[in-house]
Amino acid sequence: MVKSGIYGKYRGTEYEITVDMDNNIKIITEEKGKIDSTFEDLYNNGVYTKIVNPSELIDCVSIVLYGMVQGEKVQILKEKENEYQVATGSLLIGNDLNLPRVDRDTWLGWVPKSKVKLMEEKTVINPEDL
């Protein structure tokens, strides 16, 4: 699936970036080829993290992924082989797309990939502001 979240380069390699509850900036990957002995897999689930200084990061961007279905903007939540799970908070869009209502303000359902045009918004961010 297309990337969504905060990404940046650390020593020439791109990683996803997150901030933990102690305001530590962490780089994250599931790719063993991107790690060395300084990364840890805290929960033994194949997700490797490393605390870094903001000054070590370059080319940081925030990427927001969404989809256009029948001219309507929807959230992209998950991906299957041939479908995307989409969600909206709009009654009109939910009804137009025949999405099941799962909550007071949420319509959620699976849509064939062929009917979804993926879009992304990229915003350059300063790693010092994370």
N, C-alpha and C. Protein backbone atom coordinates (compact mmCIF):
# COMPACT_ATOMS: atom_id res chain seq x y z
N MET A 1 0.84 -1.18 0.00
CA MET A 1 0.00 0.00 0.00
C MET A 1 0.88 1.24 0.00
N VAL A 2 0.36 2.33 -0.50
CA VAL A 2 1.07 3.59 -0.51
C VAL A 2 1.29 4.02 0.94
N LYS A 3 2.38 4.71 1.18
CA LYS A 3 2.74 5.11 2.54
C LYS A 3 1.79 6.16 3.11
N SER A 4 1.61 6.07 4.43
CA SER A 4 0.83 7.05 5.17
C SER A 4 1.48 7.20 6.53
N GLY A 5 1.75 8.43 6.95
CA GLY A 5 2.41 8.67 8.23
C GLY A 5 3.55 9.65 8.06
N ILE A 6 4.50 9.60 8.99
CA ILE A 6 5.66 10.49 8.94
C ILE A 6 6.87 9.66 8.55
N TYR A 7 7.62 10.16 7.57
CA TYR A 7 8.80 9.46 7.06
C TYR A 7 9.96 10.42 6.96
N GLY A 8 11.16 9.87 7.07
CA GLY A 8 12.37 10.67 6.91
C GLY A 8 13.56 9.77 6.70
N LYS A 9 14.67 10.38 6.34
CA LYS A 9 15.89 9.61 6.10
C LYS A 9 16.83 9.73 7.28
N TYR A 10 17.37 8.57 7.64
CA TYR A 10 18.38 8.46 8.69
C TYR A 10 19.58 7.76 8.06
N ARG A 11 20.69 8.46 8.00
CA ARG A 11 21.91 7.92 7.38
C ARG A 11 21.65 7.38 5.98
N GLY A 12 20.87 8.13 5.21
CA GLY A 12 20.63 7.79 3.81
C GLY A 12 19.53 6.79 3.55
N THR A 13 18.93 6.22 4.59
CA THR A 13 17.87 5.22 4.42
C THR A 13 16.56 5.79 4.97
N GLU A 14 15.47 5.57 4.22
CA GLU A 14 14.17 6.09 4.64
C GLU A 14 13.51 5.15 5.65
N TYR A 15 12.95 5.76 6.70
CA TYR A 15 12.24 5.03 7.76
C TYR A 15 10.94 5.76 8.08
N GLU A 16 10.01 5.02 8.65
CA GLU A 16 8.84 5.66 9.25
C GLU A 16 9.31 6.24 10.58
N ILE A 17 8.70 7.35 10.98
CA ILE A 17 9.09 8.05 12.20
C ILE A 17 7.89 8.15 13.13
N THR A 18 8.16 7.97 14.42
CA THR A 18 7.11 8.14 15.42
C THR A 18 7.72 8.79 16.65
N VAL A 19 6.86 9.26 17.53
CA VAL A 19 7.29 9.85 18.79
C VAL A 19 6.61 9.07 19.90
N ASP A 20 7.39 8.59 20.88
CA ASP A 20 6.80 7.80 21.96
C ASP A 20 6.28 8.70 23.07
N MET A 21 5.76 8.08 24.12
CA MET A 21 5.15 8.84 25.22
C MET A 21 6.16 9.67 26.01
N ASP A 22 7.43 9.34 25.89
CA ASP A 22 8.47 10.12 26.56
C ASP A 22 9.08 11.16 25.63
N ASN A 23 8.42 11.42 24.50
CA ASN A 23 8.87 12.36 23.48
C ASN A 23 10.19 11.97 22.81
N ASN A 24 10.51 10.68 22.82
CA ASN A 24 11.65 10.19 22.07
C ASN A 24 11.23 10.03 20.62
N ILE A 25 12.08 10.45 19.71
CA ILE A 25 11.82 10.25 18.29
C ILE A 25 12.41 8.90 17.91
N LYS A 26 11.56 8.07 17.29
CA LYS A 26 11.99 6.72 16.92
C LYS A 26 11.82 6.51 15.43
N ILE A 27 12.77 5.77 14.85
CA ILE A 27 12.61 5.31 13.48
C ILE A 27 12.15 3.86 13.56
N ILE A 28 11.32 3.45 12.60
CA ILE A 28 10.67 2.15 12.65
C ILE A 28 10.82 1.45 11.29
N THR A 29 11.03 0.14 11.33
CA THR A 29 11.01 -0.66 10.11
C THR A 29 10.70 -2.11 10.44
N GLU A 30 10.18 -2.82 9.46
CA GLU A 30 9.99 -4.26 9.56
C GLU A 30 11.00 -4.98 8.69
N GLU A 31 11.82 -4.23 7.96
CA GLU A 31 12.78 -4.79 7.02
C GLU A 31 14.12 -5.04 7.71
N LYS A 32 14.48 -6.30 7.85
CA LYS A 32 15.74 -6.65 8.52
C LYS A 32 16.95 -6.09 7.81
N GLY A 33 16.86 -5.88 6.51
CA GLY A 33 17.97 -5.32 5.75
C GLY A 33 18.27 -3.87 6.08
N LYS A 34 17.37 -3.20 6.80
CA LYS A 34 17.55 -1.80 7.16
C LYS A 34 18.07 -1.62 8.59
N ILE A 35 18.30 -2.71 9.31
CA ILE A 35 18.65 -2.57 10.72
C ILE A 35 20.08 -3.02 10.99
N ASP A 36 20.58 -2.60 12.15
CA ASP A 36 21.85 -3.10 12.67
C ASP A 36 21.63 -3.42 14.14
N SER A 37 22.70 -3.65 14.88
CA SER A 37 22.58 -4.08 16.28
C SER A 37 22.02 -3.00 17.20
N THR A 38 21.91 -1.75 16.72
CA THR A 38 21.39 -0.67 17.56
C THR A 38 19.86 -0.61 17.56
N PHE A 39 19.21 -1.38 16.70
CA PHE A 39 17.75 -1.43 16.68
C PHE A 39 17.27 -2.50 17.65
N GLU A 40 16.06 -2.32 18.17
CA GLU A 40 15.49 -3.33 19.05
C GLU A 40 14.07 -3.70 18.61
N ASP A 41 13.73 -4.92 18.90
CA ASP A 41 12.38 -5.44 18.66
C ASP A 41 11.77 -5.67 20.04
N LEU A 42 11.25 -4.60 20.63
CA LEU A 42 10.79 -4.62 22.02
C LEU A 42 9.73 -5.67 22.30
N TYR A 43 8.83 -5.90 21.36
CA TYR A 43 7.71 -6.79 21.60
C TYR A 43 7.84 -8.11 20.85
N ASN A 44 9.01 -8.35 20.27
CA ASN A 44 9.28 -9.59 19.55
C ASN A 44 8.22 -9.86 18.47
N ASN A 45 7.85 -8.77 17.74
CA ASN A 45 6.83 -8.88 16.70
C ASN A 45 7.35 -8.53 15.31
N GLY A 46 8.66 -8.39 15.16
CA GLY A 46 9.24 -8.08 13.86
C GLY A 46 9.24 -6.62 13.50
N VAL A 47 8.91 -5.75 14.45
CA VAL A 47 8.97 -4.31 14.23
C VAL A 47 10.18 -3.79 15.00
N TYR A 48 11.12 -3.23 14.26
CA TYR A 48 12.38 -2.78 14.85
C TYR A 48 12.37 -1.27 15.00
N THR A 49 12.82 -0.80 16.17
CA THR A 49 12.83 0.63 16.44
C THR A 49 14.19 1.06 16.96
N LYS A 50 14.44 2.35 16.80
CA LYS A 50 15.67 2.94 17.31
C LYS A 50 15.38 4.39 17.65
N ILE A 51 15.81 4.83 18.82
CA ILE A 51 15.68 6.23 19.21
C ILE A 51 16.78 7.02 18.51
N VAL A 52 16.40 8.15 17.89
CA VAL A 52 17.36 9.00 17.18
C VAL A 52 17.18 10.45 17.61
N ASN A 53 18.18 11.24 17.32
CA ASN A 53 18.08 12.69 17.55
C ASN A 53 17.47 13.34 16.31
N PRO A 54 16.65 14.37 16.48
CA PRO A 54 16.05 15.03 15.31
C PRO A 54 17.12 15.52 14.32
N SER A 55 18.27 15.92 14.83
CA SER A 55 19.33 16.44 13.96
C SER A 55 19.89 15.37 13.02
N GLU A 56 19.61 14.09 13.31
CA GLU A 56 20.09 12.99 12.47
C GLU A 56 19.15 12.68 11.31
N LEU A 57 17.99 13.33 11.29
CA LEU A 57 16.98 13.06 10.27
C LEU A 57 16.97 14.15 9.20
N ILE A 58 16.76 13.73 7.94
CA ILE A 58 16.62 14.67 6.84
C ILE A 58 15.43 14.26 5.98
N ASP A 59 15.01 15.18 5.11
CA ASP A 59 13.93 14.93 4.15
C ASP A 59 12.68 14.37 4.81
N CYS A 60 12.24 14.96 5.91
CA CYS A 60 11.07 14.47 6.64
C CYS A 60 9.78 15.02 6.01
N VAL A 61 8.81 14.12 5.85
CA VAL A 61 7.52 14.49 5.29
C VAL A 61 6.40 13.79 6.05
N SER A 62 5.28 14.45 6.11
CA SER A 62 4.05 13.83 6.62
C SER A 62 3.21 13.50 5.39
N ILE A 63 2.80 12.23 5.29
CA ILE A 63 2.01 11.78 4.14
C ILE A 63 0.63 11.35 4.63
N VAL A 64 -0.39 11.97 4.07
CA VAL A 64 -1.77 11.61 4.38
C VAL A 64 -2.36 10.96 3.13
N LEU A 65 -2.81 9.73 3.27
CA LEU A 65 -3.37 8.96 2.16
C LEU A 65 -4.89 9.03 2.23
N TYR A 66 -5.51 9.26 1.09
CA TYR A 66 -6.96 9.17 1.02
C TYR A 66 -7.35 8.66 -0.36
N GLY A 67 -8.60 8.38 -0.54
CA GLY A 67 -9.08 7.87 -1.82
C GLY A 67 -10.22 8.70 -2.35
N MET A 68 -10.37 8.66 -3.65
CA MET A 68 -11.51 9.28 -4.31
C MET A 68 -12.34 8.14 -4.92
N VAL A 69 -13.61 8.06 -4.50
CA VAL A 69 -14.53 7.06 -5.01
C VAL A 69 -15.77 7.79 -5.50
N GLN A 70 -16.09 7.65 -6.76
CA GLN A 70 -17.24 8.33 -7.36
C GLN A 70 -17.22 9.83 -7.05
N GLY A 71 -16.02 10.41 -7.09
CA GLY A 71 -15.87 11.84 -6.84
C GLY A 71 -15.93 12.24 -5.38
N GLU A 72 -15.98 11.28 -4.47
CA GLU A 72 -16.06 11.56 -3.03
C GLU A 72 -14.76 11.18 -2.35
N LYS A 73 -14.33 12.02 -1.43
CA LYS A 73 -13.10 11.79 -0.68
C LYS A 73 -13.39 10.88 0.52
N VAL A 74 -12.61 9.78 0.65
CA VAL A 74 -12.79 8.84 1.75
C VAL A 74 -11.43 8.49 2.36
N GLN A 75 -11.45 8.03 3.60
CA GLN A 75 -10.23 7.54 4.25
C GLN A 75 -9.93 6.14 3.74
N ILE A 76 -8.65 5.84 3.59
CA ILE A 76 -8.22 4.48 3.27
C ILE A 76 -7.67 3.89 4.56
N LEU A 77 -8.25 2.80 5.02
CA LEU A 77 -7.84 2.21 6.30
C LEU A 77 -6.99 0.96 6.13
N LYS A 78 -7.43 0.05 5.27
CA LYS A 78 -6.74 -1.23 5.08
C LYS A 78 -6.75 -1.59 3.62
N GLU A 79 -5.96 -2.62 3.30
CA GLU A 79 -5.87 -3.09 1.94
C GLU A 79 -5.92 -4.60 1.92
N LYS A 80 -6.73 -5.15 1.02
CA LYS A 80 -6.72 -6.58 0.70
C LYS A 80 -6.18 -6.70 -0.71
N GLU A 81 -6.16 -7.92 -1.21
CA GLU A 81 -5.61 -8.15 -2.54
C GLU A 81 -6.26 -7.26 -3.60
N ASN A 82 -7.59 -7.19 -3.62
CA ASN A 82 -8.29 -6.44 -4.66
C ASN A 82 -9.21 -5.35 -4.13
N GLU A 83 -9.13 -5.05 -2.83
CA GLU A 83 -10.05 -4.07 -2.23
C GLU A 83 -9.33 -3.18 -1.23
N TYR A 84 -9.92 -2.00 -1.03
CA TYR A 84 -9.51 -1.11 0.06
C TYR A 84 -10.68 -0.99 1.02
N GLN A 85 -10.35 -0.93 2.31
CA GLN A 85 -11.38 -0.62 3.30
C GLN A 85 -11.41 0.90 3.40
N VAL A 86 -12.57 1.46 3.20
CA VAL A 86 -12.72 2.91 3.22
C VAL A 86 -13.70 3.31 4.31
N ALA A 87 -13.55 4.55 4.76
CA ALA A 87 -14.43 5.08 5.79
C ALA A 87 -14.72 6.54 5.52
N THR A 88 -15.87 6.98 6.00
CA THR A 88 -16.24 8.38 5.91
C THR A 88 -17.10 8.75 7.11
N GLY A 89 -17.10 10.01 7.45
CA GLY A 89 -17.96 10.52 8.50
C GLY A 89 -19.17 11.24 7.94
N SER A 90 -19.33 11.20 6.62
CA SER A 90 -20.42 11.91 5.96
C SER A 90 -21.58 10.98 5.63
N LEU A 91 -22.75 11.31 6.10
CA LEU A 91 -23.95 10.55 5.78
C LEU A 91 -24.18 10.50 4.28
N LEU A 92 -24.02 11.63 3.61
CA LEU A 92 -24.27 11.68 2.16
C LEU A 92 -23.30 10.79 1.39
N ILE A 93 -22.02 10.87 1.73
CA ILE A 93 -21.02 10.05 1.04
C ILE A 93 -21.23 8.58 1.37
N GLY A 94 -21.45 8.27 2.64
CA GLY A 94 -21.71 6.89 3.05
C GLY A 94 -22.88 6.27 2.30
N ASN A 95 -23.95 7.04 2.17
CA ASN A 95 -25.13 6.55 1.43
C ASN A 95 -24.84 6.43 -0.06
N ASP A 96 -24.17 7.44 -0.63
CA ASP A 96 -23.85 7.40 -2.06
C ASP A 96 -23.01 6.18 -2.42
N LEU A 97 -22.12 5.78 -1.52
CA LEU A 97 -21.23 4.65 -1.79
C LEU A 97 -21.78 3.32 -1.26
N ASN A 98 -22.98 3.36 -0.69
CA ASN A 98 -23.60 2.16 -0.10
C ASN A 98 -22.72 1.50 0.96
N LEU A 99 -22.09 2.32 1.79
CA LEU A 99 -21.26 1.80 2.87
C LEU A 99 -22.13 1.52 4.09
N PRO A 100 -21.88 0.43 4.79
CA PRO A 100 -22.63 0.15 6.01
C PRO A 100 -22.28 1.18 7.10
N ARG A 101 -23.30 1.58 7.83
CA ARG A 101 -23.10 2.49 8.96
C ARG A 101 -22.68 1.66 10.16
N VAL A 102 -21.52 1.97 10.74
CA VAL A 102 -21.00 1.17 11.85
C VAL A 102 -21.03 1.93 13.18
N ASP A 103 -21.31 3.20 13.12
CA ASP A 103 -21.35 4.04 14.32
C ASP A 103 -22.21 5.25 13.99
N ARG A 104 -22.45 6.08 14.98
CA ARG A 104 -23.29 7.25 14.76
C ARG A 104 -22.78 8.10 13.60
N ASP A 105 -21.47 8.27 13.52
CA ASP A 105 -20.88 9.15 12.51
C ASP A 105 -19.87 8.44 11.62
N THR A 106 -19.99 7.13 11.44
CA THR A 106 -18.99 6.41 10.65
C THR A 106 -19.65 5.40 9.71
N TRP A 107 -19.27 5.49 8.44
CA TRP A 107 -19.67 4.53 7.42
C TRP A 107 -18.39 3.86 6.94
N LEU A 108 -18.41 2.52 6.89
CA LEU A 108 -17.19 1.76 6.66
C LEU A 108 -17.49 0.56 5.78
N GLY A 109 -16.64 0.33 4.79
CA GLY A 109 -16.86 -0.83 3.93
C GLY A 109 -15.69 -1.07 3.00
N TRP A 110 -15.76 -2.17 2.27
CA TRP A 110 -14.73 -2.56 1.31
C TRP A 110 -15.17 -2.17 -0.09
N VAL A 111 -14.23 -1.58 -0.83
CA VAL A 111 -14.50 -1.11 -2.18
C VAL A 111 -13.44 -1.70 -3.11
N PRO A 112 -13.82 -2.18 -4.29
CA PRO A 112 -12.82 -2.70 -5.22
C PRO A 112 -11.76 -1.64 -5.54
N LYS A 113 -10.51 -2.06 -5.61
CA LYS A 113 -9.42 -1.13 -5.91
C LYS A 113 -9.64 -0.39 -7.22
N SER A 114 -10.28 -1.07 -8.15
CA SER A 114 -10.50 -0.46 -9.47
C SER A 114 -11.40 0.77 -9.39
N LYS A 115 -12.17 0.92 -8.30
CA LYS A 115 -13.06 2.06 -8.15
C LYS A 115 -12.47 3.18 -7.29
N VAL A 116 -11.23 2.98 -6.80
CA VAL A 116 -10.61 3.95 -5.90
C VAL A 116 -9.40 4.58 -6.56
N LYS A 117 -9.38 5.89 -6.58
CA LYS A 117 -8.19 6.61 -7.04
C LYS A 117 -7.45 7.07 -5.79
N LEU A 118 -6.25 6.51 -5.58
CA LEU A 118 -5.46 6.89 -4.41
C LEU A 118 -4.85 8.26 -4.59
N MET A 119 -4.89 9.04 -3.53
CA MET A 119 -4.32 10.38 -3.53
C MET A 119 -3.50 10.52 -2.25
N GLU A 120 -2.47 11.33 -2.30
CA GLU A 120 -1.71 11.58 -1.09
C GLU A 120 -1.35 13.05 -1.00
N GLU A 121 -1.35 13.53 0.23
CA GLU A 121 -0.93 14.90 0.50
C GLU A 121 0.38 14.82 1.27
N LYS A 122 1.42 15.45 0.75
CA LYS A 122 2.71 15.46 1.41
C LYS A 122 2.99 16.85 1.95
N THR A 123 3.45 16.88 3.21
CA THR A 123 3.82 18.13 3.84
C THR A 123 5.24 17.97 4.39
N VAL A 124 6.13 18.85 3.99
CA VAL A 124 7.49 18.82 4.51
C VAL A 124 7.44 19.25 5.97
N ILE A 125 8.14 18.50 6.83
CA ILE A 125 8.16 18.85 8.25
C ILE A 125 9.59 18.96 8.74
N ASN A 126 9.77 19.78 9.75
CA ASN A 126 11.07 19.94 10.40
C ASN A 126 11.17 18.90 11.51
N PRO A 127 12.18 18.02 11.48
CA PRO A 127 12.28 16.99 12.52
C PRO A 127 12.42 17.57 13.92
N GLU A 128 12.89 18.80 14.03
CA GLU A 128 13.01 19.45 15.34
C GLU A 128 11.63 19.76 15.94
N ASP A 129 10.60 19.78 15.08
CA ASP A 129 9.24 20.09 15.54
C ASP A 129 8.45 18.85 15.93
N LEU A 130 9.06 17.65 15.81
CA LEU A 130 8.35 16.43 16.14
C LEU A 130 8.18 16.35 17.61
